[in-house]
Amino acid sequence: MTAKSFSSIGPGDLLVAPPNQLSPPFDRALVVICMHDSNGSLGFVINRKKDFDLGRLIACECPRQGVYFGGPVEENSLACLHQHSSFVQGAIPFTDELSFNLDVGAVLGALRDEIIQPWQVRFLMGYAGWAPGQLEAELKAGWWFVTRGNKELVFHPKSNILWRTVLRKMGGEYALVANFPDDPMLN
């Protein structure tokens, strides 16, 4: 896994926030990009698990399924990332192996029917969005590192260590950044 040039960013890429550089919603965040074109960009934060499960939000057959902070836009909305399956109604594929879905009921039905497994789904509240040219400007300013994502990273079972894991896999100077303390005053 290596860093990518910001000029070639696209769906499936991961934005990795440098430590202590961005506003609190994005400090040490990993964002998987689902859409990126001349209309703007859309992605979901994948490493911020909430302290409650899906059953607190909706009545469902999988109430213990985790819920994640997807981003600061429309934080009361619920969406899903899941491993790509053409059998899930409303799935919007963004790589060969990953889709997102705004129809939570369809994803819950696919879980019930065992079309997808619980470990192949992330329920997310909110999303990250950028106006046309905004993400490119942030990349040019150095607000994000970019690398290629995959299903193993998106559905990593230990989201609390994922930021450091990704930086270490990127290697070189990025591996060094993974060791920065949460509070630079403690350095």
N, C-alpha and C. Protein backbone atom coordinates (compact mmCIF):
# COMPACT_ATOMS: atom_id res chain seq x y z
N MET A 1 0.86 -1.17 0.00
CA MET A 1 0.00 0.00 0.00
C MET A 1 0.90 1.23 0.00
N THR A 2 0.66 2.10 -0.93
CA THR A 2 1.46 3.32 -1.03
C THR A 2 0.53 4.52 -1.18
N ALA A 3 1.11 5.68 -0.99
CA ALA A 3 0.35 6.92 -1.17
C ALA A 3 0.12 7.15 -2.65
N LYS A 4 -0.98 7.82 -2.97
CA LYS A 4 -1.32 8.15 -4.35
C LYS A 4 -1.20 9.65 -4.56
N SER A 5 -1.04 10.02 -5.81
CA SER A 5 -1.07 11.42 -6.18
C SER A 5 -2.51 11.91 -6.08
N PHE A 6 -2.71 13.11 -5.57
CA PHE A 6 -4.07 13.62 -5.43
C PHE A 6 -4.73 13.87 -6.77
N SER A 7 -3.97 13.96 -7.84
CA SER A 7 -4.57 14.23 -9.14
C SER A 7 -5.31 13.01 -9.69
N SER A 8 -5.09 11.84 -9.09
CA SER A 8 -5.74 10.64 -9.61
C SER A 8 -6.73 10.03 -8.62
N ILE A 9 -7.25 10.85 -7.72
CA ILE A 9 -8.18 10.34 -6.72
C ILE A 9 -9.47 9.87 -7.38
N GLY A 10 -10.07 8.83 -6.79
CA GLY A 10 -11.32 8.32 -7.33
C GLY A 10 -12.03 7.42 -6.35
N PRO A 11 -13.18 6.89 -6.74
CA PRO A 11 -13.93 5.98 -5.87
C PRO A 11 -13.07 4.80 -5.43
N GLY A 12 -13.18 4.48 -4.15
CA GLY A 12 -12.41 3.39 -3.57
C GLY A 12 -11.14 3.85 -2.89
N ASP A 13 -10.74 5.10 -3.12
CA ASP A 13 -9.55 5.62 -2.45
C ASP A 13 -9.89 5.96 -1.00
N LEU A 14 -8.85 5.93 -0.17
CA LEU A 14 -8.99 6.32 1.23
C LEU A 14 -8.29 7.66 1.44
N LEU A 15 -9.00 8.57 2.08
CA LEU A 15 -8.39 9.81 2.54
C LEU A 15 -7.96 9.56 3.97
N VAL A 16 -6.72 9.85 4.27
CA VAL A 16 -6.16 9.65 5.60
C VAL A 16 -5.80 11.03 6.15
N ALA A 17 -6.47 11.42 7.22
CA ALA A 17 -6.22 12.74 7.81
C ALA A 17 -4.93 12.71 8.61
N PRO A 18 -4.02 13.67 8.33
CA PRO A 18 -2.83 13.79 9.17
C PRO A 18 -3.23 14.13 10.61
N PRO A 19 -2.41 13.80 11.59
CA PRO A 19 -2.77 14.09 12.97
C PRO A 19 -2.81 15.59 13.24
N ASN A 20 -3.80 16.00 14.03
CA ASN A 20 -3.89 17.37 14.54
C ASN A 20 -3.88 18.44 13.46
N GLN A 21 -4.37 18.12 12.29
CA GLN A 21 -4.35 19.10 11.22
C GLN A 21 -5.74 19.57 10.82
N LEU A 22 -6.72 18.71 10.91
CA LEU A 22 -8.06 19.07 10.47
C LEU A 22 -8.99 19.28 11.65
N SER A 23 -10.17 19.79 11.35
CA SER A 23 -11.17 20.03 12.39
C SER A 23 -11.55 18.70 13.07
N PRO A 24 -12.10 18.77 14.28
CA PRO A 24 -12.40 17.57 15.05
C PRO A 24 -13.15 16.45 14.30
N PRO A 25 -14.11 16.74 13.44
CA PRO A 25 -14.76 15.59 12.79
C PRO A 25 -13.79 14.75 11.96
N PHE A 26 -12.70 15.36 11.52
CA PHE A 26 -11.79 14.63 10.63
C PHE A 26 -10.41 14.36 11.23
N ASP A 27 -10.16 14.76 12.47
CA ASP A 27 -8.86 14.48 13.06
C ASP A 27 -8.64 12.97 13.11
N ARG A 28 -7.58 12.48 12.46
CA ARG A 28 -7.22 11.06 12.40
C ARG A 28 -8.32 10.21 11.77
N ALA A 29 -9.06 10.79 10.87
CA ALA A 29 -10.15 10.08 10.20
C ALA A 29 -9.65 9.36 8.96
N LEU A 30 -10.35 8.29 8.62
CA LEU A 30 -10.18 7.59 7.34
C LEU A 30 -11.50 7.71 6.62
N VAL A 31 -11.47 8.23 5.41
CA VAL A 31 -12.68 8.42 4.63
C VAL A 31 -12.55 7.63 3.34
N VAL A 32 -13.50 6.73 3.09
CA VAL A 32 -13.51 6.02 1.82
C VAL A 32 -14.34 6.85 0.84
N ILE A 33 -13.77 7.12 -0.33
CA ILE A 33 -14.45 7.92 -1.35
C ILE A 33 -15.36 7.00 -2.16
N CYS A 34 -16.64 7.38 -2.24
CA CYS A 34 -17.62 6.59 -2.99
C CYS A 34 -17.96 7.23 -4.33
N MET A 35 -17.91 8.55 -4.38
CA MET A 35 -18.19 9.27 -5.62
C MET A 35 -17.23 10.44 -5.72
N HIS A 36 -16.69 10.64 -6.91
CA HIS A 36 -15.80 11.79 -7.14
C HIS A 36 -15.87 12.13 -8.62
N ASP A 37 -16.47 13.27 -8.92
CA ASP A 37 -16.57 13.71 -10.31
C ASP A 37 -16.71 15.22 -10.35
N SER A 38 -17.09 15.75 -11.48
CA SER A 38 -17.18 17.21 -11.63
C SER A 38 -18.28 17.84 -10.77
N ASN A 39 -19.18 17.01 -10.21
CA ASN A 39 -20.24 17.51 -9.34
C ASN A 39 -19.82 17.58 -7.87
N GLY A 40 -18.65 17.03 -7.55
CA GLY A 40 -18.18 17.03 -6.17
C GLY A 40 -17.80 15.63 -5.73
N SER A 41 -17.70 15.43 -4.43
CA SER A 41 -17.24 14.16 -3.88
C SER A 41 -18.10 13.77 -2.68
N LEU A 42 -18.22 12.45 -2.48
CA LEU A 42 -18.97 11.90 -1.37
C LEU A 42 -18.18 10.73 -0.80
N GLY A 43 -18.11 10.65 0.52
CA GLY A 43 -17.43 9.54 1.16
C GLY A 43 -17.97 9.33 2.56
N PHE A 44 -17.43 8.31 3.22
CA PHE A 44 -17.84 7.97 4.58
C PHE A 44 -16.62 7.74 5.45
N VAL A 45 -16.64 8.30 6.66
CA VAL A 45 -15.61 8.01 7.65
C VAL A 45 -15.83 6.56 8.08
N ILE A 46 -14.76 5.76 8.12
CA ILE A 46 -14.92 4.34 8.43
C ILE A 46 -14.28 3.92 9.75
N ASN A 47 -13.65 4.83 10.46
CA ASN A 47 -12.95 4.42 11.68
C ASN A 47 -13.47 5.08 12.96
N ARG A 48 -14.73 5.50 12.97
CA ARG A 48 -15.30 6.13 14.16
C ARG A 48 -16.57 5.42 14.59
N LYS A 49 -16.42 4.35 15.35
CA LYS A 49 -17.57 3.60 15.83
C LYS A 49 -18.26 4.38 16.94
N LYS A 50 -19.58 4.42 16.86
CA LYS A 50 -20.36 5.09 17.90
C LYS A 50 -20.47 4.16 19.10
N ASP A 51 -20.89 4.70 20.23
CA ASP A 51 -20.98 3.89 21.44
C ASP A 51 -22.36 3.26 21.63
N PHE A 52 -23.09 3.07 20.54
CA PHE A 52 -24.38 2.39 20.59
C PHE A 52 -24.54 1.54 19.33
N ASP A 53 -25.49 0.62 19.39
CA ASP A 53 -25.73 -0.30 18.29
C ASP A 53 -26.98 0.11 17.50
N LEU A 54 -27.18 -0.56 16.37
CA LEU A 54 -28.28 -0.24 15.45
C LEU A 54 -29.64 -0.33 16.13
N GLY A 55 -29.82 -1.26 17.06
CA GLY A 55 -31.10 -1.44 17.75
C GLY A 55 -31.56 -0.21 18.50
N ARG A 56 -30.65 0.69 18.82
CA ARG A 56 -31.03 1.95 19.49
C ARG A 56 -31.69 2.91 18.51
N LEU A 57 -31.40 2.74 17.22
CA LEU A 57 -31.94 3.65 16.21
C LEU A 57 -33.21 3.13 15.55
N ILE A 58 -33.22 1.84 15.25
CA ILE A 58 -34.35 1.27 14.51
C ILE A 58 -34.64 -0.14 15.03
N ALA A 59 -35.88 -0.56 14.86
CA ALA A 59 -36.24 -1.94 15.19
C ALA A 59 -35.76 -2.82 14.04
N CYS A 60 -34.96 -3.82 14.38
CA CYS A 60 -34.42 -4.69 13.33
C CYS A 60 -34.03 -6.03 13.93
N GLU A 61 -33.75 -6.97 13.04
CA GLU A 61 -33.37 -8.32 13.47
C GLU A 61 -31.90 -8.42 13.86
N CYS A 62 -31.15 -7.38 13.66
CA CYS A 62 -29.72 -7.39 14.02
C CYS A 62 -29.42 -6.16 14.89
N PRO A 63 -30.06 -6.07 16.06
CA PRO A 63 -29.94 -4.87 16.89
C PRO A 63 -28.53 -4.61 17.41
N ARG A 64 -27.66 -5.62 17.44
CA ARG A 64 -26.32 -5.45 17.99
C ARG A 64 -25.31 -5.05 16.92
N GLN A 65 -25.76 -4.83 15.70
CA GLN A 65 -24.88 -4.38 14.63
C GLN A 65 -24.35 -2.99 14.98
N GLY A 66 -23.05 -2.77 14.82
CA GLY A 66 -22.45 -1.49 15.15
C GLY A 66 -22.89 -0.37 14.23
N VAL A 67 -22.79 0.84 14.73
CA VAL A 67 -23.09 2.05 13.96
C VAL A 67 -21.86 2.95 14.02
N TYR A 68 -21.54 3.59 12.91
CA TYR A 68 -20.35 4.42 12.79
C TYR A 68 -20.72 5.85 12.44
N PHE A 69 -19.86 6.79 12.84
CA PHE A 69 -19.98 8.18 12.41
C PHE A 69 -19.48 8.22 10.97
N GLY A 70 -20.36 8.54 10.02
CA GLY A 70 -19.99 8.56 8.62
C GLY A 70 -19.48 9.90 8.14
N GLY A 71 -19.77 10.96 8.88
CA GLY A 71 -19.33 12.28 8.50
C GLY A 71 -20.23 13.35 9.06
N PRO A 72 -19.82 14.60 8.93
CA PRO A 72 -20.55 15.69 9.56
C PRO A 72 -21.75 16.22 8.78
N VAL A 73 -22.02 15.68 7.60
CA VAL A 73 -23.14 16.15 6.79
C VAL A 73 -24.34 15.23 7.06
N GLU A 74 -25.48 15.82 7.36
CA GLU A 74 -26.72 15.08 7.61
C GLU A 74 -26.49 13.93 8.60
N GLU A 75 -26.00 14.29 9.78
CA GLU A 75 -25.64 13.28 10.78
C GLU A 75 -26.81 12.44 11.27
N ASN A 76 -28.04 12.85 10.99
CA ASN A 76 -29.20 12.05 11.39
C ASN A 76 -29.62 11.06 10.31
N SER A 77 -28.95 11.09 9.16
CA SER A 77 -29.27 10.14 8.10
C SER A 77 -28.49 8.84 8.33
N LEU A 78 -29.03 7.75 7.82
CA LEU A 78 -28.41 6.44 7.97
C LEU A 78 -28.17 5.85 6.60
N ALA A 79 -26.96 5.40 6.37
CA ALA A 79 -26.58 4.77 5.10
C ALA A 79 -25.76 3.53 5.42
N CYS A 80 -25.41 2.78 4.40
CA CYS A 80 -24.63 1.55 4.60
C CYS A 80 -23.53 1.45 3.56
N LEU A 81 -22.40 0.94 4.01
CA LEU A 81 -21.38 0.44 3.10
C LEU A 81 -21.50 -1.07 3.19
N HIS A 82 -21.37 -1.75 2.07
CA HIS A 82 -21.40 -3.21 2.12
C HIS A 82 -20.58 -3.79 0.99
N GLN A 83 -20.20 -5.04 1.18
CA GLN A 83 -19.48 -5.71 0.12
C GLN A 83 -20.44 -5.83 -1.05
N HIS A 84 -19.92 -5.57 -2.22
CA HIS A 84 -20.75 -5.48 -3.42
C HIS A 84 -21.56 -6.75 -3.65
N SER A 85 -22.82 -6.56 -3.86
CA SER A 85 -23.71 -7.65 -4.20
C SER A 85 -24.81 -7.10 -5.09
N SER A 86 -24.95 -7.67 -6.26
CA SER A 86 -25.99 -7.22 -7.17
C SER A 86 -27.37 -7.65 -6.68
N PHE A 87 -27.42 -8.46 -5.61
CA PHE A 87 -28.68 -8.92 -5.06
C PHE A 87 -29.25 -7.99 -3.99
N VAL A 88 -28.54 -6.92 -3.67
CA VAL A 88 -29.03 -5.97 -2.68
C VAL A 88 -29.65 -4.80 -3.41
N GLN A 89 -30.97 -4.65 -3.26
CA GLN A 89 -31.69 -3.58 -3.94
C GLN A 89 -31.13 -2.22 -3.56
N GLY A 90 -30.93 -1.36 -4.53
CA GLY A 90 -30.46 0.00 -4.29
C GLY A 90 -28.96 0.13 -4.12
N ALA A 91 -28.22 -0.96 -4.26
CA ALA A 91 -26.77 -0.91 -4.11
C ALA A 91 -26.16 -0.02 -5.18
N ILE A 92 -25.25 0.83 -4.76
CA ILE A 92 -24.52 1.71 -5.69
C ILE A 92 -23.05 1.31 -5.62
N PRO A 93 -22.61 0.49 -6.57
CA PRO A 93 -21.21 0.04 -6.53
C PRO A 93 -20.25 1.20 -6.81
N PHE A 94 -19.13 1.21 -6.06
CA PHE A 94 -18.11 2.21 -6.35
C PHE A 94 -16.74 1.58 -6.58
N THR A 95 -16.61 0.29 -6.32
CA THR A 95 -15.44 -0.51 -6.74
C THR A 95 -15.99 -1.88 -7.13
N ASP A 96 -15.11 -2.76 -7.54
CA ASP A 96 -15.54 -4.12 -7.88
C ASP A 96 -16.05 -4.89 -6.66
N GLU A 97 -15.64 -4.47 -5.47
CA GLU A 97 -16.00 -5.22 -4.27
C GLU A 97 -16.79 -4.43 -3.23
N LEU A 98 -17.04 -3.15 -3.47
CA LEU A 98 -17.71 -2.31 -2.48
C LEU A 98 -18.88 -1.53 -3.08
N SER A 99 -19.93 -1.39 -2.27
CA SER A 99 -21.10 -0.60 -2.64
C SER A 99 -21.53 0.24 -1.45
N PHE A 100 -22.29 1.28 -1.73
CA PHE A 100 -22.97 1.97 -0.65
C PHE A 100 -24.45 1.95 -0.96
N ASN A 101 -25.25 2.17 0.07
CA ASN A 101 -26.69 2.04 -0.09
C ASN A 101 -27.36 3.02 0.85
N LEU A 102 -28.34 3.73 0.34
CA LEU A 102 -29.12 4.65 1.15
C LEU A 102 -30.41 3.99 1.62
N ASP A 103 -30.72 2.81 1.08
CA ASP A 103 -31.92 2.05 1.45
C ASP A 103 -31.54 1.04 2.53
N VAL A 104 -31.60 1.48 3.78
CA VAL A 104 -31.20 0.64 4.90
C VAL A 104 -32.09 -0.59 4.99
N GLY A 105 -33.36 -0.44 4.66
CA GLY A 105 -34.29 -1.58 4.69
C GLY A 105 -33.85 -2.69 3.75
N ALA A 106 -33.35 -2.32 2.57
CA ALA A 106 -32.88 -3.33 1.62
C ALA A 106 -31.66 -4.07 2.17
N VAL A 107 -30.79 -3.34 2.83
CA VAL A 107 -29.60 -3.97 3.42
C VAL A 107 -30.00 -4.88 4.57
N LEU A 108 -30.93 -4.43 5.40
CA LEU A 108 -31.42 -5.28 6.49
C LEU A 108 -32.07 -6.55 5.95
N GLY A 109 -32.80 -6.42 4.85
CA GLY A 109 -33.40 -7.60 4.20
C GLY A 109 -32.33 -8.55 3.67
N ALA A 110 -31.27 -7.99 3.10
CA ALA A 110 -30.17 -8.82 2.60
C ALA A 110 -29.46 -9.53 3.74
N LEU A 111 -29.34 -8.88 4.88
CA LEU A 111 -28.78 -9.53 6.07
C LEU A 111 -29.69 -10.66 6.54
N ARG A 112 -30.97 -10.39 6.62
CA ARG A 112 -31.95 -11.39 7.06
C ARG A 112 -31.93 -12.61 6.15
N ASP A 113 -31.83 -12.36 4.83
CA ASP A 113 -31.84 -13.44 3.84
C ASP A 113 -30.46 -14.05 3.62
N GLU A 114 -29.47 -13.59 4.39
CA GLU A 114 -28.09 -14.07 4.35
C GLU A 114 -27.43 -13.89 2.98
N ILE A 115 -27.85 -12.84 2.27
CA ILE A 115 -27.20 -12.47 1.01
C ILE A 115 -25.85 -11.84 1.32
N ILE A 116 -25.82 -11.07 2.41
CA ILE A 116 -24.58 -10.53 2.94
C ILE A 116 -24.54 -10.86 4.43
N GLN A 117 -23.34 -10.90 4.97
CA GLN A 117 -23.13 -11.24 6.38
C GLN A 117 -22.91 -9.96 7.19
N PRO A 118 -23.18 -10.01 8.50
CA PRO A 118 -23.00 -8.80 9.33
C PRO A 118 -21.63 -8.16 9.23
N TRP A 119 -20.57 -8.94 9.08
CA TRP A 119 -19.22 -8.38 8.99
C TRP A 119 -18.94 -7.74 7.63
N GLN A 120 -19.88 -7.85 6.69
CA GLN A 120 -19.74 -7.25 5.36
C GLN A 120 -20.51 -5.94 5.24
N VAL A 121 -20.97 -5.38 6.37
CA VAL A 121 -21.82 -4.19 6.36
C VAL A 121 -21.31 -3.20 7.40
N ARG A 122 -21.37 -1.92 7.05
CA ARG A 122 -21.15 -0.83 8.00
C ARG A 122 -22.34 0.10 7.90
N PHE A 123 -23.02 0.30 9.02
CA PHE A 123 -24.10 1.28 9.09
C PHE A 123 -23.47 2.59 9.55
N LEU A 124 -23.80 3.68 8.85
CA LEU A 124 -23.15 4.97 9.09
C LEU A 124 -24.17 6.08 9.24
N MET A 125 -23.93 6.93 10.22
CA MET A 125 -24.75 8.12 10.41
C MET A 125 -24.00 9.31 9.84
N GLY A 126 -24.59 9.95 8.85
CA GLY A 126 -23.96 11.09 8.20
C GLY A 126 -22.99 10.66 7.12
N TYR A 127 -22.44 11.65 6.44
CA TYR A 127 -21.46 11.40 5.38
C TYR A 127 -20.55 12.60 5.26
N ALA A 128 -19.52 12.44 4.46
CA ALA A 128 -18.60 13.54 4.16
C ALA A 128 -18.84 13.95 2.71
N GLY A 129 -19.00 15.21 2.48
CA GLY A 129 -19.26 15.70 1.13
C GLY A 129 -18.44 16.94 0.81
N TRP A 130 -18.08 17.07 -0.46
CA TRP A 130 -17.30 18.21 -0.93
C TRP A 130 -17.93 18.77 -2.19
N ALA A 131 -17.96 20.07 -2.30
CA ALA A 131 -18.44 20.76 -3.50
C ALA A 131 -17.41 20.57 -4.62
N PRO A 132 -17.78 20.85 -5.87
CA PRO A 132 -16.81 20.71 -6.97
C PRO A 132 -15.53 21.49 -6.67
N GLY A 133 -14.40 20.82 -6.80
CA GLY A 133 -13.10 21.44 -6.61
C GLY A 133 -12.64 21.56 -5.16
N GLN A 134 -13.55 21.39 -4.21
CA GLN A 134 -13.20 21.57 -2.80
C GLN A 134 -12.22 20.49 -2.32
N LEU A 135 -12.46 19.23 -2.65
CA LEU A 135 -11.56 18.17 -2.20
C LEU A 135 -10.19 18.33 -2.85
N GLU A 136 -10.16 18.68 -4.11
CA GLU A 136 -8.87 18.90 -4.78
C GLU A 136 -8.07 20.00 -4.07
N ALA A 137 -8.76 21.05 -3.66
CA ALA A 137 -8.08 22.15 -2.95
C ALA A 137 -7.54 21.65 -1.60
N GLU A 138 -8.30 20.84 -0.89
CA GLU A 138 -7.84 20.29 0.39
C GLU A 138 -6.64 19.37 0.18
N LEU A 139 -6.67 18.58 -0.88
CA LEU A 139 -5.55 17.68 -1.17
C LEU A 139 -4.30 18.49 -1.51
N LYS A 140 -4.48 19.51 -2.32
CA LYS A 140 -3.34 20.35 -2.70
C LYS A 140 -2.74 21.05 -1.48
N ALA A 141 -3.59 21.41 -0.51
CA ALA A 141 -3.13 22.08 0.71
C ALA A 141 -2.49 21.10 1.70
N GLY A 142 -2.53 19.79 1.39
CA GLY A 142 -1.92 18.80 2.26
C GLY A 142 -2.79 18.36 3.42
N TRP A 143 -4.08 18.57 3.32
CA TRP A 143 -4.98 18.22 4.41
C TRP A 143 -5.27 16.72 4.48
N TRP A 144 -4.94 16.00 3.43
CA TRP A 144 -5.19 14.56 3.37
C TRP A 144 -4.01 13.83 2.73
N PHE A 145 -3.75 12.60 3.19
CA PHE A 145 -2.93 11.65 2.47
C PHE A 145 -3.92 10.77 1.72
N VAL A 146 -3.50 10.19 0.61
CA VAL A 146 -4.41 9.35 -0.18
C VAL A 146 -3.75 8.01 -0.45
N THR A 147 -4.52 6.95 -0.29
CA THR A 147 -4.07 5.61 -0.63
C THR A 147 -5.28 4.82 -1.14
N ARG A 148 -5.04 3.68 -1.69
CA ARG A 148 -6.12 2.85 -2.22
C ARG A 148 -6.76 2.05 -1.09
N GLY A 149 -8.06 2.02 -1.05
CA GLY A 149 -8.79 1.25 -0.05
C GLY A 149 -9.14 -0.13 -0.58
N ASN A 150 -9.67 -0.97 0.28
CA ASN A 150 -10.16 -2.29 -0.11
C ASN A 150 -11.14 -2.76 0.96
N LYS A 151 -11.80 -3.88 0.69
CA LYS A 151 -12.83 -4.35 1.63
C LYS A 151 -12.25 -4.73 2.98
N GLU A 152 -11.00 -5.20 3.02
CA GLU A 152 -10.39 -5.56 4.29
C GLU A 152 -10.24 -4.34 5.19
N LEU A 153 -9.91 -3.20 4.61
CA LEU A 153 -9.77 -1.98 5.39
C LEU A 153 -11.14 -1.39 5.75
N VAL A 154 -12.03 -1.33 4.79
CA VAL A 154 -13.35 -0.74 5.04
C VAL A 154 -14.09 -1.48 6.14
N PHE A 155 -13.95 -2.80 6.19
CA PHE A 155 -14.67 -3.60 7.19
C PHE A 155 -13.73 -4.15 8.27
N HIS A 156 -12.63 -3.47 8.48
CA HIS A 156 -11.66 -3.89 9.50
C HIS A 156 -12.36 -3.99 10.86
N PRO A 157 -12.19 -5.10 11.57
CA PRO A 157 -12.93 -5.27 12.83
C PRO A 157 -12.47 -4.36 13.97
N LYS A 158 -11.29 -3.78 13.86
CA LYS A 158 -10.79 -2.93 14.94
C LYS A 158 -10.62 -1.50 14.43
N SER A 159 -11.75 -0.81 14.30
CA SER A 159 -11.72 0.55 13.75
C SER A 159 -10.88 1.49 14.59
N ASN A 160 -10.72 1.21 15.88
CA ASN A 160 -9.97 2.11 16.76
C ASN A 160 -8.46 2.12 16.45
N ILE A 161 -7.93 1.11 15.78
CA ILE A 161 -6.51 1.08 15.41
C ILE A 161 -6.30 1.23 13.91
N LEU A 162 -7.38 1.40 13.17
CA LEU A 162 -7.30 1.40 11.71
C LEU A 162 -6.47 2.55 11.15
N TRP A 163 -6.58 3.73 11.70
CA TRP A 163 -5.82 4.89 11.21
C TRP A 163 -4.33 4.58 11.23
N ARG A 164 -3.84 4.10 12.37
CA ARG A 164 -2.41 3.76 12.49
C ARG A 164 -2.05 2.59 11.56
N THR A 165 -2.92 1.61 11.47
CA THR A 165 -2.67 0.45 10.61
C THR A 165 -2.47 0.88 9.16
N VAL A 166 -3.34 1.74 8.66
CA VAL A 166 -3.24 2.20 7.28
C VAL A 166 -1.95 2.97 7.06
N LEU A 167 -1.61 3.88 7.96
CA LEU A 167 -0.38 4.66 7.81
C LEU A 167 0.85 3.75 7.83
N ARG A 168 0.87 2.77 8.69
CA ARG A 168 2.01 1.84 8.73
C ARG A 168 2.12 1.05 7.43
N LYS A 169 0.99 0.64 6.88
CA LYS A 169 1.01 -0.10 5.61
C LYS A 169 1.46 0.79 4.45
N MET A 170 1.21 2.09 4.56
CA MET A 170 1.66 3.02 3.52
C MET A 170 3.18 3.13 3.53
N GLY A 171 3.80 2.89 4.69
CA GLY A 171 5.25 2.85 4.81
C GLY A 171 5.91 4.22 4.81
N GLY A 172 7.25 4.21 4.84
CA GLY A 172 8.05 5.43 4.78
C GLY A 172 7.66 6.46 5.81
N GLU A 173 7.57 7.71 5.37
CA GLU A 173 7.24 8.81 6.28
C GLU A 173 5.84 8.66 6.88
N TYR A 174 4.95 7.97 6.17
CA TYR A 174 3.59 7.78 6.69
C TYR A 174 3.61 6.87 7.91
N ALA A 175 4.48 5.86 7.90
CA ALA A 175 4.60 4.97 9.05
C ALA A 175 5.07 5.74 10.29
N LEU A 176 5.91 6.73 10.08
CA LEU A 176 6.36 7.56 11.20
C LEU A 176 5.21 8.39 11.77
N VAL A 177 4.36 8.90 10.89
CA VAL A 177 3.22 9.72 11.31
C VAL A 177 2.27 8.89 12.19
N ALA A 178 2.19 7.59 11.94
CA ALA A 178 1.31 6.73 12.71
C ALA A 178 1.63 6.74 14.20
N ASN A 179 2.85 7.11 14.54
CA ASN A 179 3.28 7.11 15.93
C ASN A 179 3.11 8.45 16.63
N PHE A 180 2.61 9.47 15.94
CA PHE A 180 2.41 10.77 16.56
C PHE A 180 1.45 10.61 17.75
N PRO A 181 1.74 11.26 18.87
CA PRO A 181 0.84 11.16 20.02
C PRO A 181 -0.49 11.87 19.75
N ASP A 182 -1.54 11.41 20.41
CA ASP A 182 -2.84 12.06 20.27
C ASP A 182 -2.77 13.53 20.68
N ASP A 183 -2.01 13.81 21.71
CA ASP A 183 -1.84 15.18 22.20
C ASP A 183 -0.38 15.55 21.99
N PRO A 184 -0.07 16.44 21.03
CA PRO A 184 1.32 16.77 20.75
C PRO A 184 2.05 17.42 21.93
N MET A 185 1.31 17.93 22.90
CA MET A 185 1.94 18.52 24.08
C MET A 185 2.58 17.44 24.97
N LEU A 186 2.19 16.18 24.75
CA LEU A 186 2.75 15.07 25.52
C LEU A 186 3.99 14.51 24.87
N ASN A 187 4.38 15.05 23.75
CA ASN A 187 5.55 14.56 23.01
C ASN A 187 6.84 14.90 23.73
